Amino acid sequence: MKKLKHKLNLSKGERTLDSCSMRENLKTALSRKAELLIETLQYNEAGIDLLIEILNDPELIVRAEAYTLLQSIQSNKAYDAISQGILLNPGDNIYCVYESVMEYNDNWWYIINSFYDILFNSNRECTSFVSFHINKKSAEKAADKFHKDEVSIKHNICSWDISDVGTNSSYFRKDFNYTYQWCKKYNIPVKLPNKNYSERESIRLALSLEDCLAMEFLEDKKYDLLAQLWLDALERFAFVQPMVVQETTYLKLSDNI
């Protein structure tokens, strides 16, 4: 045990190898995950036992870090400890990524990016679930990835003309100048009109240009630009829904921390 005390020197002063000190290090130094993993492995079975104990920590983010570390350890004990998944307690906050829904409000089509709006205000009974996440940034990244995924684009974006879609509260869309600047940003050659247009005509011209761009991107299989056009002109086809855990359960995660 003296050897363990000597090696575990994560900050000034010596610390004994106990769950309290390890838990504090996980709370205050989550960015040092790789370093903590290496230091934990120095203690072999003792380090694994500590990580297993921390799987029951009151803080979900701490449990998640311990879960991730155990996933990286080739040990039957570690595998058995996380075989059910990560422990979720009542009151824990998690983030779910769902596929958006296209709805019609008697005037125009619009994208619904709210789980509860889909449940209570949509003609659809439910939306497609994509993934669970402990970290909000991870969930946002997953939603962006889903929006730009080729399969999702073909299933969602390619099913609609971009000019037919507005928002839930308004069909107001950006004018031609915005679309023109968007094209300049992504090095897409577009000619400026020879005359000045009214605001309504400018928006109409922008929508026509966006439809042409969408068709061109689709034909050329430029799915990244097609997804970006929809994202900038409207919204993405996936959203993050915060959820509060109601009862004790387990959730299996891969890279969704």
Protein backbone atom coordinates (compact mmCIF):
# COMPACT_ATOMS: atom_id res chain seq x y z
CA MET A 1 0.00 0.00 0.00
CA LYS A 2 2.95 2.37 0.57
CA LYS A 3 3.92 1.83 -3.03
CA LEU A 4 0.46 2.87 -4.14
CA LYS A 5 0.54 5.97 -1.98
CA HIS A 6 3.89 6.99 -3.47
CA LYS A 7 2.78 6.63 -7.09
CA LEU A 8 -0.61 8.32 -6.86
CA ASN A 9 0.56 11.93 -6.84
CA LEU A 10 -2.06 13.78 -8.90
CA SER A 11 -1.53 17.15 -7.18
CA LYS A 12 0.63 18.69 -4.52
CA GLY A 13 0.95 16.45 -1.52
CA GLU A 14 0.49 12.71 -1.23
CA ARG A 15 -2.89 11.01 -1.46
CA THR A 16 -3.89 7.56 -0.43
CA LEU A 17 -5.67 5.36 -2.95
CA ASP A 18 -9.28 5.74 -1.79
CA SER A 19 -12.55 6.40 -3.57
CA CYS A 20 -12.86 9.92 -2.13
CA SER A 21 -9.59 11.20 -3.61
CA MET A 22 -10.20 9.52 -6.96
CA ARG A 23 -13.74 10.91 -7.11
CA GLU A 24 -12.48 14.44 -6.48
CA ASN A 25 -9.89 14.08 -9.22
CA LEU A 26 -12.55 12.92 -11.65
CA LYS A 27 -14.78 15.86 -10.74
CA THR A 28 -12.09 18.53 -11.01
CA ALA A 29 -9.90 17.10 -13.77
CA LEU A 30 -12.20 15.46 -16.31
CA SER A 31 -10.06 16.82 -19.13
CA ARG A 32 -7.20 14.61 -17.86
CA LYS A 33 -9.12 11.44 -18.66
CA ALA A 34 -6.28 9.80 -20.58
CA GLU A 35 -3.78 10.62 -17.83
CA LEU A 36 -6.15 9.33 -15.15
CA LEU A 37 -6.57 6.11 -17.10
CA ILE A 38 -2.83 5.54 -17.20
CA GLU A 39 -2.46 6.29 -13.50
CA THR A 40 -5.40 4.06 -12.62
CA LEU A 41 -3.92 1.17 -14.59
CA GLN A 42 -0.76 1.38 -12.51
CA TYR A 43 -2.78 -0.07 -9.64
CA ASN A 44 -4.09 -3.05 -11.58
CA GLU A 45 -6.94 -4.68 -9.65
CA ALA A 46 -7.00 -1.96 -6.98
CA GLY A 47 -7.50 0.73 -9.61
CA ILE A 48 -10.25 -1.26 -11.33
CA ASP A 49 -12.00 -1.79 -7.99
CA LEU A 50 -12.00 1.99 -7.42
CA LEU A 51 -13.48 2.70 -10.83
CA ILE A 52 -16.17 0.08 -10.22
CA GLU A 53 -17.02 1.73 -6.90
CA ILE A 54 -17.25 5.12 -8.62
CA LEU A 55 -19.88 3.70 -10.99
CA ASN A 56 -22.31 4.35 -8.10
CA ASP A 57 -21.22 7.96 -7.50
CA PRO A 58 -24.09 10.44 -6.95
CA GLU A 59 -22.83 12.57 -9.88
CA LEU A 60 -23.75 11.24 -13.32
CA ILE A 61 -20.77 12.89 -15.03
CA VAL A 62 -18.43 11.14 -12.58
CA ARG A 63 -20.13 7.77 -13.21
CA ALA A 64 -19.84 8.42 -16.93
CA GLU A 65 -16.09 9.04 -16.70
CA ALA A 66 -15.57 5.88 -14.66
CA TYR A 67 -17.68 3.95 -17.18
CA THR A 68 -15.56 5.27 -20.06
CA LEU A 69 -12.33 4.33 -18.32
CA LEU A 70 -13.59 0.81 -17.59
CA GLN A 71 -14.55 0.43 -21.26
CA SER A 72 -10.89 0.95 -22.12
CA ILE A 73 -9.63 -1.73 -19.73
CA GLN A 74 -9.29 -5.31 -20.93
CA SER A 75 -10.45 -7.09 -17.82
CA ASN A 76 -13.27 -9.52 -17.12
CA LYS A 77 -14.00 -7.67 -13.89
CA ALA A 78 -14.30 -4.36 -15.72
CA TYR A 79 -16.44 -5.93 -18.46
CA ASP A 80 -18.83 -7.49 -15.94
CA ALA A 81 -19.14 -4.20 -14.02
CA ILE A 82 -20.36 -2.28 -17.07
CA SER A 83 -22.22 -5.08 -18.85
CA GLN A 84 -25.61 -3.61 -17.85
CA GLY A 85 -24.61 -0.11 -18.90
CA ILE A 86 -24.18 3.10 -16.97
CA LEU A 87 -26.39 3.63 -13.91
CA LEU A 88 -29.05 6.34 -14.26
CA ASN A 89 -30.76 7.59 -11.12
CA PRO A 90 -33.99 9.60 -10.78
CA GLY A 91 -33.21 13.25 -11.37
CA ASP A 92 -30.25 12.64 -13.70
CA ASN A 93 -30.24 14.81 -16.83
CA ILE A 94 -29.58 13.14 -20.17
CA TYR A 95 -29.87 14.33 -23.77
CA CYS A 96 -31.68 12.50 -26.54
CA VAL A 97 -31.23 13.10 -30.26
CA TYR A 98 -34.35 12.68 -32.39
CA GLU A 99 -35.09 12.97 -36.07
CA SER A 100 -37.11 16.09 -36.92
CA VAL A 101 -40.61 15.91 -38.38
CA MET A 102 -42.06 17.83 -41.31
CA GLU A 103 -45.57 19.12 -40.61
CA TYR A 104 -48.19 21.19 -42.46
CA ASN A 105 -50.06 24.08 -40.79
CA ASP A 106 -52.67 24.74 -43.51
CA ASN A 107 -50.37 27.30 -45.13
CA TRP A 108 -46.88 25.84 -45.51
CA TRP A 109 -44.63 22.98 -44.50
CA TYR A 110 -42.33 23.46 -41.54
CA ILE A 111 -39.81 21.49 -39.51
CA ILE A 112 -40.71 20.49 -35.93
CA ASN A 113 -37.66 20.36 -33.69
CA SER A 114 -39.30 19.63 -30.36
CA PHE A 115 -40.17 16.22 -28.98
CA TYR A 116 -43.22 17.49 -27.10
CA ASP A 117 -44.51 19.48 -30.09
CA ILE A 118 -44.31 16.30 -32.14
CA LEU A 119 -46.19 14.31 -29.49
CA PHE A 120 -48.94 16.83 -28.85
CA ASN A 121 -49.18 19.03 -31.96
CA SER A 122 -48.18 16.79 -34.82
CA ASN A 123 -50.21 14.37 -36.90
CA ARG A 124 -47.42 11.88 -36.37
CA GLU A 125 -47.54 9.74 -33.26
CA CYS A 126 -43.80 9.81 -32.69
CA THR A 127 -40.43 10.65 -34.21
CA SER A 128 -37.42 8.43 -34.81
CA PHE A 129 -34.95 8.15 -31.95
CA VAL A 130 -31.27 8.54 -32.89
CA SER A 131 -29.13 8.32 -29.73
CA PHE A 132 -28.74 8.93 -25.98
CA HIS A 133 -26.05 11.19 -24.54
CA ILE A 134 -24.77 12.24 -21.13
CA ASN A 135 -23.05 15.36 -22.43
CA LYS A 136 -25.01 18.10 -24.22
CA LYS A 137 -22.14 18.98 -26.56
CA SER A 138 -21.89 15.36 -27.60
CA ALA A 139 -25.62 15.33 -28.34
CA GLU A 140 -25.37 18.51 -30.43
CA LYS A 141 -22.51 17.00 -32.40
CA ALA A 142 -24.55 13.84 -33.01
CA ALA A 143 -27.52 15.90 -34.23
CA ASP A 144 -25.28 17.76 -36.68
CA LYS A 145 -23.78 14.48 -37.87
CA PHE A 146 -27.25 13.00 -38.41
CA HIS A 147 -28.36 16.07 -40.38
CA LYS A 148 -25.34 15.72 -42.68
CA ASP A 149 -25.53 11.94 -43.00
CA GLU A 150 -26.11 10.84 -46.59
CA VAL A 151 -28.89 8.41 -45.68
CA SER A 152 -30.69 11.05 -43.63
CA ILE A 153 -30.34 13.59 -46.44
CA LYS A 154 -31.87 11.22 -48.96
CA HIS A 155 -34.67 10.29 -46.55
CA ASN A 156 -35.50 13.82 -45.39
CA ILE A 157 -34.04 16.72 -47.32
CA CYS A 158 -34.40 15.13 -50.75
CA SER A 159 -38.10 14.56 -50.13
CA TRP A 160 -38.89 18.29 -50.11
CA ASP A 161 -38.39 21.41 -52.21
CA ILE A 162 -36.58 23.88 -50.02
CA SER A 163 -38.81 26.70 -51.28
CA ASP A 164 -41.92 24.95 -49.90
CA VAL A 165 -40.74 25.04 -46.28
CA GLY A 166 -41.04 27.81 -43.71
CA THR A 167 -40.97 27.79 -39.92
CA ASN A 168 -43.71 26.93 -37.46
CA SER A 169 -44.69 30.58 -36.87
CA SER A 170 -43.79 32.20 -40.19
CA TYR A 171 -43.00 31.46 -43.78
CA PHE A 172 -40.71 34.49 -43.91
CA ARG A 173 -37.45 33.56 -45.61
CA LYS A 174 -34.20 35.44 -46.17
CA ASP A 175 -33.78 37.56 -49.31
CA PHE A 176 -31.58 37.08 -52.34
CA ASN A 177 -28.63 38.97 -50.86
CA TYR A 178 -28.36 36.42 -48.05
CA THR A 179 -28.39 33.50 -50.50
CA TYR A 180 -25.89 35.32 -52.73
CA GLN A 181 -23.51 35.84 -49.78
CA TRP A 182 -23.99 32.17 -48.84
CA CYS A 183 -22.89 31.18 -52.35
CA LYS A 184 -19.83 33.43 -52.12
CA LYS A 185 -18.89 31.84 -48.79
CA TYR A 186 -18.88 28.38 -50.36
CA ASN A 187 -17.31 29.51 -53.66
CA ILE A 188 -20.42 28.89 -55.75
CA PRO A 189 -20.60 31.23 -58.79
CA VAL A 190 -23.85 33.20 -58.96
CA LYS A 191 -24.69 36.22 -61.10
CA LEU A 192 -26.24 39.27 -59.50
CA PRO A 193 -29.58 40.39 -60.99
CA ASN A 194 -29.47 43.31 -63.41
CA LYS A 195 -32.17 45.28 -61.63
CA ASN A 196 -33.36 46.09 -58.14
CA TYR A 197 -36.13 43.94 -56.74
CA SER A 198 -38.71 44.55 -54.05
CA GLU A 199 -38.31 42.60 -50.81
CA ARG A 200 -40.95 40.08 -51.85
CA GLU A 201 -39.39 39.62 -55.28
CA SER A 202 -35.96 39.29 -53.72
CA ILE A 203 -37.17 36.50 -51.41
CA ARG A 204 -38.87 34.77 -54.35
CA LEU A 205 -35.64 34.97 -56.33
CA ALA A 206 -33.69 33.57 -53.38
CA LEU A 207 -36.08 30.62 -53.06
CA SER A 208 -35.76 29.88 -56.76
CA LEU A 209 -31.97 29.96 -56.46
CA GLU A 210 -32.04 27.69 -53.39
CA ASP A 211 -34.18 25.15 -55.26
CA CYS A 212 -31.71 25.19 -58.16
CA LEU A 213 -28.76 24.81 -55.80
CA ALA A 214 -30.44 21.93 -53.96
CA MET A 215 -31.10 20.09 -57.24
CA GLU A 216 -27.53 20.68 -58.39
CA PHE A 217 -26.03 19.47 -55.10
CA LEU A 218 -28.21 16.38 -55.22
CA GLU A 219 -27.30 15.52 -58.80
CA ASP A 220 -23.59 16.06 -58.09
CA LYS A 221 -23.86 14.15 -54.80
CA LYS A 222 -22.58 17.14 -52.87
CA TYR A 223 -24.49 16.09 -49.79
CA ASP A 224 -22.40 18.20 -47.43
CA LEU A 225 -23.36 21.41 -49.26
CA LEU A 226 -26.99 20.30 -49.55
CA ALA A 227 -27.16 19.70 -45.80
CA GLN A 228 -25.46 23.04 -45.10
CA LEU A 229 -27.89 24.90 -47.36
CA TRP A 230 -30.88 23.49 -45.47
CA LEU A 231 -29.22 24.18 -42.13
CA ASP A 232 -28.48 27.82 -42.93
CA ALA A 233 -31.73 28.56 -44.77
CA LEU A 234 -34.01 26.69 -42.36
CA GLU A 235 -33.11 24.21 -39.62
CA ARG A 236 -31.40 20.85 -39.28
CA PHE A 237 -33.31 17.59 -39.51
CA ALA A 238 -32.39 16.48 -36.00
CA PHE A 239 -32.74 18.02 -32.56
CA VAL A 240 -31.56 17.56 -28.99
CA GLN A 241 -34.22 16.95 -26.35
CA PRO A 242 -33.18 17.22 -22.66
CA MET A 243 -34.72 14.50 -20.50
CA VAL A 244 -34.88 13.96 -16.74
CA VAL A 245 -34.60 10.34 -15.60
CA GLN A 246 -37.72 9.26 -13.68
CA GLU A 247 -36.64 5.88 -12.34
CA THR A 248 -33.47 3.92 -11.77
CA THR A 249 -32.29 2.23 -14.93
CA TYR A 250 -29.18 1.38 -16.93
CA LEU A 251 -28.12 2.81 -20.26
CA LYS A 252 -25.58 1.22 -22.57
CA LEU A 253 -23.29 3.73 -24.22
CA SER A 254 -20.56 3.37 -26.80
CA ASP A 255 -19.16 6.79 -27.74
CA ASN A 256 -22.18 8.80 -26.60
CA ILE A 257 -20.75 10.27 -23.40
